[in-house]
Amino acid sequence: MIFARLGKIQISVENFFNGIAAATVLFMMGLTTVDVVMRYVFNRPLPDVYNLCEMLIVGIVYLAIAYVQQQKSHVRVDVIIDRLQGPPRLAFELGTLILALVGFSLMAWQAGRLAWDAWVTGDYSMGLVEYPYWPSKFAMTLGIGLLCLRFVTDIKHYAVELKKTSPHWILWLLVAFLPLGFFAGFLGVLSPDQFPPVTVGWILLLAMIVVLFIGLPVAFGLLIVGTVGYWVLAGADKTFLMGRLPASRVFRRFPGCAIPRSISSRHGGLDSPARDDCRPVHRPASRFWPSDSGNCRLLGARRSG
C-alpha cells in the first residue's frame, strides 16, 4: 500500500515537471518569435535572447527526462533484447538499469556541486544581460535526481518480476550485474596513459556497440562510455572532478566573481597561482554593464609582482 502510494506520487511529480518542460518550450517559442519580429520589423532585437534560450533548453531536457523514462520512450537499439523472453529479458533490463543508475548517480552528484558553486559564486553569463547560471544547473540536478529515482523504481519492478518468473532468480540477478562488473573491471585493469588515445578510441567504440546492443538507451550509453574514456585517458581523480568549479582562494575573496568555468579550470589553461593572484578590477559603468568593483574578470585581472 505504501509503495503504491509512493509510486503514484512519483508519477505525479514526473508529470508535473514534464508539464513545466512543455510550458518552457512554448515560452521559448514565443520569446524567439517576439525577438524575430522586434529584430526585422522594428530593428530593436531583445538583448541576449540566444543565451537565455540556451539555458532554457537545459531545463527542457532534464526536467522531462524522468517522464520519458517512465514512458519507456528513450531511443535504444532493441535488436537483441526484443528477441528475449522471460528471465533473460528481465536480466538484460536490470543490467541496463543498474549501469545507468550508477552513471547518472555520479552525474547527479557532480551536477549538484556545479549548481551549488554557481549559487555561491554568483556565476552568470558574460553578455548584454547577466543571466545567472544556477537556475539551469539546479534544474539539471533536479531532473537527473528524478531520473535516478525512476531507475530505482524500475529496478525494483523488474527484480520483483524476476523473482516471480524464475526459481533461479538469484542467478539471473547476478547476470544482471555483469555489465557493471565488466566496466568496473575494465577501469580497474587500465591505467592512464597505458594505451595511446587511438587505441582507447577503438576500445570504447567496441564498448559502445556492446552497450547499445544490450538495450541501453543511446544517450545513456554515450554518457557511460564517454565517462569511461575520460577515466582511461585522464585518471579517476580528474574524472570525478570533471566539470567541477575549483574552490580556490579567489572565490573566497571575491564571492561575486564570474570567471567562466571553462577558463578558470585547470583544463582551461589557468593554473592555481594565476587564479590566486587575481585582483578586483573596476569596470566602467554603461547601459548594460553597471559598475562593480567587487567582481574579478579574467581579461582585466592583474597579477602581483
Protein backbone atom coordinates (compact mmCIF):
# COMPACT_ATOMS: atom_id res chain seq x y z
CA MET A 1 0.00 0.00 0.00
CA ILE A 2 2.77 2.44 0.94
CA PHE A 3 4.83 1.62 -2.16
CA ALA A 4 1.76 2.01 -4.38
CA ARG A 5 1.06 5.43 -2.89
CA LEU A 6 4.70 6.48 -3.28
CA GLY A 7 4.60 5.27 -6.88
CA LYS A 8 1.58 7.46 -7.62
CA ILE A 9 3.29 10.45 -6.02
CA GLN A 10 6.42 9.80 -8.08
CA ILE A 11 4.39 9.64 -11.30
CA SER A 12 2.60 12.88 -10.38
CA VAL A 13 5.90 14.66 -9.72
CA GLU A 14 7.38 13.46 -13.02
CA ASN A 15 4.25 14.52 -14.90
CA PHE A 16 4.37 17.93 -13.19
CA PHE A 17 7.95 18.65 -14.22
CA ASN A 18 7.25 17.33 -17.70
CA GLY A 19 4.46 19.93 -17.88
CA ILE A 20 6.93 22.61 -16.79
CA ALA A 21 9.30 21.50 -19.58
CA ALA A 22 6.46 21.69 -22.11
CA ALA A 23 5.48 25.16 -20.88
CA THR A 24 9.13 26.22 -21.18
CA VAL A 25 9.12 25.08 -24.81
CA LEU A 26 6.07 27.27 -25.50
CA PHE A 27 7.69 30.21 -23.70
CA MET A 28 10.91 29.80 -25.69
CA MET A 29 8.98 29.63 -28.96
CA GLY A 30 7.08 32.82 -28.07
CA LEU A 31 10.25 34.57 -26.96
CA THR A 32 12.03 33.66 -30.19
CA THR A 33 9.06 34.84 -32.27
CA VAL A 34 8.96 38.18 -30.46
CA ASP A 35 12.72 38.58 -30.91
CA VAL A 36 12.45 37.92 -34.67
CA VAL A 37 9.62 40.45 -35.03
CA MET A 38 11.47 43.07 -32.98
CA ARG A 39 14.67 42.47 -34.93
CA TYR A 40 13.36 42.55 -38.50
CA VAL A 41 10.30 44.78 -38.14
CA PHE A 42 11.29 47.35 -35.52
CA ASN A 43 15.09 46.93 -35.66
CA ARG A 44 15.16 46.60 -31.86
CA PRO A 45 16.02 42.96 -31.03
CA LEU A 46 15.67 41.66 -27.49
CA PRO A 47 19.09 41.53 -25.78
CA ASP A 48 20.74 38.14 -25.25
CA VAL A 49 17.74 36.01 -26.18
CA TYR A 50 20.09 33.38 -27.61
CA ASN A 51 21.88 32.88 -24.28
CA LEU A 52 18.57 32.72 -22.43
CA CYS A 53 17.25 30.07 -24.82
CA GLU A 54 20.40 28.01 -24.29
CA MET A 55 19.71 27.95 -20.55
CA LEU A 56 16.04 27.15 -21.08
CA ILE A 57 16.98 24.14 -23.22
CA VAL A 58 18.81 22.66 -20.24
CA GLY A 59 15.62 22.83 -18.19
CA ILE A 60 13.54 21.43 -21.04
CA VAL A 61 15.77 18.38 -21.45
CA TYR A 62 16.45 17.46 -17.85
CA LEU A 63 13.08 18.24 -16.29
CA ALA A 64 11.39 15.89 -18.77
CA ILE A 65 13.96 13.08 -18.81
CA ALA A 66 12.41 11.17 -15.87
CA TYR A 67 8.98 11.30 -17.53
CA VAL A 68 10.47 9.90 -20.75
CA GLN A 69 11.98 7.02 -18.76
CA GLN A 70 8.63 6.45 -17.08
CA GLN A 71 7.05 6.06 -20.51
CA LYS A 72 9.99 3.90 -21.71
CA SER A 73 10.40 6.24 -24.68
CA HIS A 74 14.18 6.68 -24.76
CA VAL A 75 15.76 5.74 -28.09
CA ARG A 76 17.63 2.44 -27.89
CA VAL A 77 18.74 -0.49 -30.02
CA ASP A 78 16.37 -3.40 -29.38
CA VAL A 79 17.59 -5.92 -31.99
CA ILE A 80 18.72 -8.41 -29.34
CA ILE A 81 16.66 -7.57 -26.29
CA ASP A 82 13.31 -7.85 -28.10
CA ARG A 83 14.16 -11.44 -29.05
CA LEU A 84 14.50 -12.43 -25.40
CA GLN A 85 11.64 -13.60 -23.21
CA GLY A 86 11.19 -14.39 -19.54
CA PRO A 87 14.17 -14.27 -17.11
CA PRO A 88 16.81 -13.46 -19.78
CA ARG A 89 14.81 -10.39 -20.86
CA LEU A 90 14.34 -9.25 -17.26
CA ALA A 91 18.04 -9.78 -16.51
CA PHE A 92 19.02 -7.67 -19.53
CA GLU A 93 16.63 -4.91 -18.46
CA LEU A 94 18.04 -4.97 -14.93
CA GLY A 95 21.61 -4.86 -16.24
CA THR A 96 20.99 -1.73 -18.29
CA LEU A 97 19.13 -0.03 -15.44
CA ILE A 98 21.85 -0.78 -12.89
CA LEU A 99 24.53 0.53 -15.24
CA ALA A 100 22.51 3.67 -15.95
CA LEU A 101 21.77 4.23 -12.24
CA VAL A 102 25.47 4.18 -11.32
CA GLY A 103 26.42 6.53 -14.17
CA PHE A 104 23.64 9.05 -13.57
CA SER A 105 24.09 8.99 -9.79
CA LEU A 106 27.66 10.21 -10.29
CA MET A 107 26.35 12.77 -12.76
CA ALA A 108 23.71 13.98 -10.27
CA TRP A 109 26.37 14.37 -7.60
CA GLN A 110 28.59 16.50 -9.83
CA ALA A 111 25.63 18.50 -11.19
CA GLY A 112 24.65 19.32 -7.62
CA ARG A 113 28.14 20.60 -6.90
CA LEU A 114 28.00 22.74 -10.04
CA ALA A 115 24.64 24.20 -9.03
CA TRP A 116 25.85 24.98 -5.52
CA ASP A 117 29.08 26.57 -6.78
CA ALA A 118 27.10 28.69 -9.25
CA TRP A 119 24.85 29.88 -6.43
CA VAL A 120 27.70 30.63 -4.01
CA THR A 121 29.95 32.37 -6.54
CA GLY A 122 27.15 34.23 -8.32
CA ASP A 123 28.27 32.83 -11.67
CA TYR A 124 26.45 34.41 -14.63
CA SER A 125 26.66 34.67 -18.41
CA MET A 126 29.07 37.25 -19.78
CA GLY A 127 26.72 39.04 -22.17
CA LEU A 128 24.48 42.05 -22.51
CA VAL A 129 22.21 40.60 -19.84
CA GLU A 130 23.80 38.85 -16.87
CA TYR A 131 21.68 35.70 -16.65
CA PRO A 132 22.62 33.63 -13.58
CA TYR A 133 23.70 30.06 -14.22
CA TRP A 134 22.35 28.49 -11.05
CA PRO A 135 18.68 28.05 -12.18
CA SER A 136 19.60 25.91 -15.20
CA LYS A 137 22.13 23.91 -13.19
CA PHE A 138 19.63 23.37 -10.40
CA ALA A 139 17.09 22.18 -12.99
CA MET A 140 19.73 19.79 -14.33
CA THR A 141 20.40 18.41 -10.84
CA LEU A 142 16.70 18.05 -10.08
CA GLY A 143 15.98 16.30 -13.38
CA ILE A 144 18.83 13.81 -13.01
CA GLY A 145 17.80 13.14 -9.41
CA LEU A 146 14.26 12.32 -10.52
CA LEU A 147 15.69 10.09 -13.24
CA CYS A 148 17.74 8.16 -10.67
CA LEU A 149 14.64 7.66 -8.53
CA ARG A 150 12.83 6.34 -11.63
CA PHE A 151 15.73 3.93 -12.20
CA VAL A 152 15.39 2.66 -8.62
CA THR A 153 11.64 2.16 -9.12
CA ASP A 154 12.17 0.30 -12.39
CA ILE A 155 14.90 -1.89 -10.86
CA LYS A 156 12.54 -2.82 -8.04
CA HIS A 157 9.79 -3.64 -10.54
CA TYR A 158 11.98 -5.88 -12.71
CA ALA A 159 13.55 -7.58 -9.67
CA VAL A 160 10.10 -8.48 -8.33
CA GLU A 161 9.06 -9.77 -11.75
CA LEU A 162 12.26 -11.82 -11.99
CA LYS A 163 11.63 -13.40 -8.60
CA LYS A 164 8.08 -14.34 -9.66
CA THR A 165 9.02 -15.86 -13.02
CA SER A 166 12.13 -17.90 -12.19
CA PRO A 167 13.14 -20.15 -9.28
CA HIS A 168 16.76 -19.31 -10.12
CA TRP A 169 16.18 -15.58 -9.84
CA ILE A 170 19.33 -15.04 -7.75
CA LEU A 171 21.47 -16.42 -10.59
CA TRP A 172 19.75 -14.17 -13.11
CA LEU A 173 20.21 -11.22 -10.74
CA LEU A 174 23.95 -11.90 -10.71
CA VAL A 175 23.87 -11.98 -14.52
CA ALA A 176 22.27 -8.52 -14.44
CA PHE A 177 25.34 -7.16 -12.65
CA LEU A 178 27.71 -8.40 -15.37
CA PRO A 179 27.70 -5.15 -17.43
CA LEU A 180 28.56 -3.11 -14.34
CA GLY A 181 31.20 -5.66 -13.36
CA PHE A 182 32.68 -5.54 -16.86
CA PHE A 183 33.11 -1.76 -16.79
CA ALA A 184 34.41 -1.83 -13.21
CA GLY A 185 36.99 -4.47 -14.15
CA PHE A 186 37.89 -2.55 -17.29
CA LEU A 187 38.58 0.58 -15.27
CA GLY A 188 40.49 -1.38 -12.65
CA VAL A 189 42.84 -3.02 -15.14
CA LEU A 190 43.59 0.01 -17.30
CA SER A 191 45.54 3.00 -16.05
CA PRO A 192 46.02 6.47 -17.56
CA ASP A 193 48.47 6.65 -20.48
CA GLN A 194 48.66 2.85 -20.72
CA PHE A 195 47.34 2.94 -24.30
CA PRO A 196 47.51 5.68 -26.96
CA PRO A 197 44.29 7.67 -27.45
CA VAL A 198 43.59 6.00 -30.81
CA THR A 199 43.63 2.54 -29.23
CA VAL A 200 41.39 3.75 -26.40
CA GLY A 201 39.02 5.14 -29.00
CA TRP A 202 38.69 1.78 -30.76
CA ILE A 203 38.15 0.01 -27.43
CA LEU A 204 35.42 2.47 -26.48
CA LEU A 205 33.79 2.13 -29.89
CA LEU A 206 33.54 -1.61 -29.29
CA ALA A 207 32.22 -0.97 -25.78
CA MET A 208 29.64 1.44 -27.18
CA ILE A 209 28.40 -1.19 -29.63
CA VAL A 210 28.11 -3.76 -26.82
CA VAL A 211 26.31 -1.28 -24.54
CA LEU A 212 23.81 -0.36 -27.23
CA PHE A 213 23.06 -3.93 -28.22
CA ILE A 214 22.31 -4.97 -24.64
CA GLY A 215 19.46 -2.47 -24.73
CA LEU A 216 20.86 0.61 -23.00
CA PRO A 217 19.36 3.85 -24.38
CA VAL A 218 21.66 5.70 -26.77
CA ALA A 219 22.05 8.81 -24.60
CA PHE A 220 22.87 6.71 -21.53
CA GLY A 221 25.40 4.69 -23.48
CA LEU A 222 27.16 7.80 -24.73
CA LEU A 223 27.38 9.15 -21.18
CA ILE A 224 28.78 5.95 -19.69
CA VAL A 225 31.24 5.19 -22.48
CA GLY A 226 32.38 8.83 -22.59
CA THR A 227 32.99 8.80 -18.84
CA VAL A 228 34.95 5.56 -19.11
CA GLY A 229 37.06 7.03 -21.91
CA TYR A 230 37.89 10.12 -19.88
CA TRP A 231 38.73 7.86 -16.92
CA VAL A 232 41.18 5.83 -19.03
CA LEU A 233 42.84 8.89 -20.58
CA ALA A 234 42.90 11.25 -17.57
CA GLY A 235 42.53 9.06 -14.48
CA ALA A 236 39.92 8.66 -11.77
CA ASP A 237 40.65 11.91 -9.93
CA LYS A 238 40.11 14.14 -12.95
CA THR A 239 37.04 12.14 -13.95
CA PHE A 240 35.33 12.77 -10.62
CA LEU A 241 36.35 16.43 -10.79
CA MET A 242 35.19 16.77 -14.40
CA GLY A 243 33.13 19.92 -14.68
CA ARG A 244 33.63 20.89 -11.06
CA LEU A 245 34.33 24.56 -10.35
CA PRO A 246 37.53 24.76 -8.27
CA ALA A 247 37.07 26.23 -4.79
CA SER A 248 40.20 28.37 -4.77
CA ARG A 249 41.04 31.35 -2.62
CA VAL A 250 39.86 33.62 -5.43
CA PHE A 251 36.25 32.69 -4.90
CA ARG A 252 36.58 33.05 -1.14
CA ARG A 253 37.98 36.56 -1.53
CA PHE A 254 35.65 37.58 -4.33
CA PRO A 255 32.23 35.97 -3.75
CA GLY A 256 30.80 37.79 -6.79
CA CYS A 257 33.49 36.54 -9.18
CA ALA A 258 32.15 35.47 -12.59
CA ILE A 259 35.08 33.84 -14.40
CA PRO A 260 33.66 31.24 -16.80
CA ARG A 261 34.36 27.68 -15.69
CA SER A 262 35.92 26.67 -19.00
CA ILE A 263 38.53 29.40 -18.49
CA SER A 264 39.11 29.20 -14.75
CA SER A 265 39.54 25.41 -14.51
CA ARG A 266 42.93 23.77 -14.82
CA HIS A 267 41.94 22.23 -18.13
CA GLY A 268 41.26 25.71 -19.45
CA GLY A 269 44.89 26.71 -19.08
CA LEU A 270 44.72 28.94 -15.96
CA ASP A 271 46.73 27.41 -13.14
CA SER A 272 46.08 27.85 -9.45
CA PRO A 273 48.69 30.58 -8.73
CA ALA A 274 47.26 32.73 -11.53
CA ARG A 275 43.78 32.40 -10.05
CA ASP A 276 45.02 33.21 -6.57
CA ASP A 277 46.76 36.37 -7.83
CA CYS A 278 43.58 37.67 -9.38
CA ARG A 279 42.77 41.20 -8.16
CA PRO A 280 39.45 43.08 -8.35
CA VAL A 281 39.29 45.47 -11.28
CA HIS A 282 36.96 48.44 -11.69
CA ARG A 283 34.60 48.09 -14.62
CA PRO A 284 33.24 51.29 -16.17
CA ALA A 285 29.51 51.81 -15.95
CA SER A 286 27.49 51.52 -19.14
CA ARG A 287 23.96 50.83 -20.27
CA PHE A 288 24.28 47.07 -19.89
CA TRP A 289 27.24 46.78 -17.53
CA PRO A 290 26.78 48.61 -14.20
CA SER A 291 29.97 49.50 -12.43
CA ASP A 292 31.08 46.91 -9.87
CA SER A 293 34.49 46.94 -8.25
CA GLY A 294 33.88 43.67 -6.41
CA ASN A 295 33.91 41.39 -9.45
CA CYS A 296 37.04 39.75 -10.76
CA ARG A 297 37.33 39.46 -14.53
CA LEU A 298 39.93 37.33 -16.22
CA LEU A 299 40.76 39.71 -19.04
CA GLY A 300 41.21 42.63 -16.67
CA ALA A 301 42.92 40.74 -13.88
CA ARG A 302 46.34 41.92 -12.69
CA ARG A 303 48.98 39.67 -11.25
CA SER A 304 51.15 40.63 -8.30
CA GLY A 305 54.80 41.16 -8.88
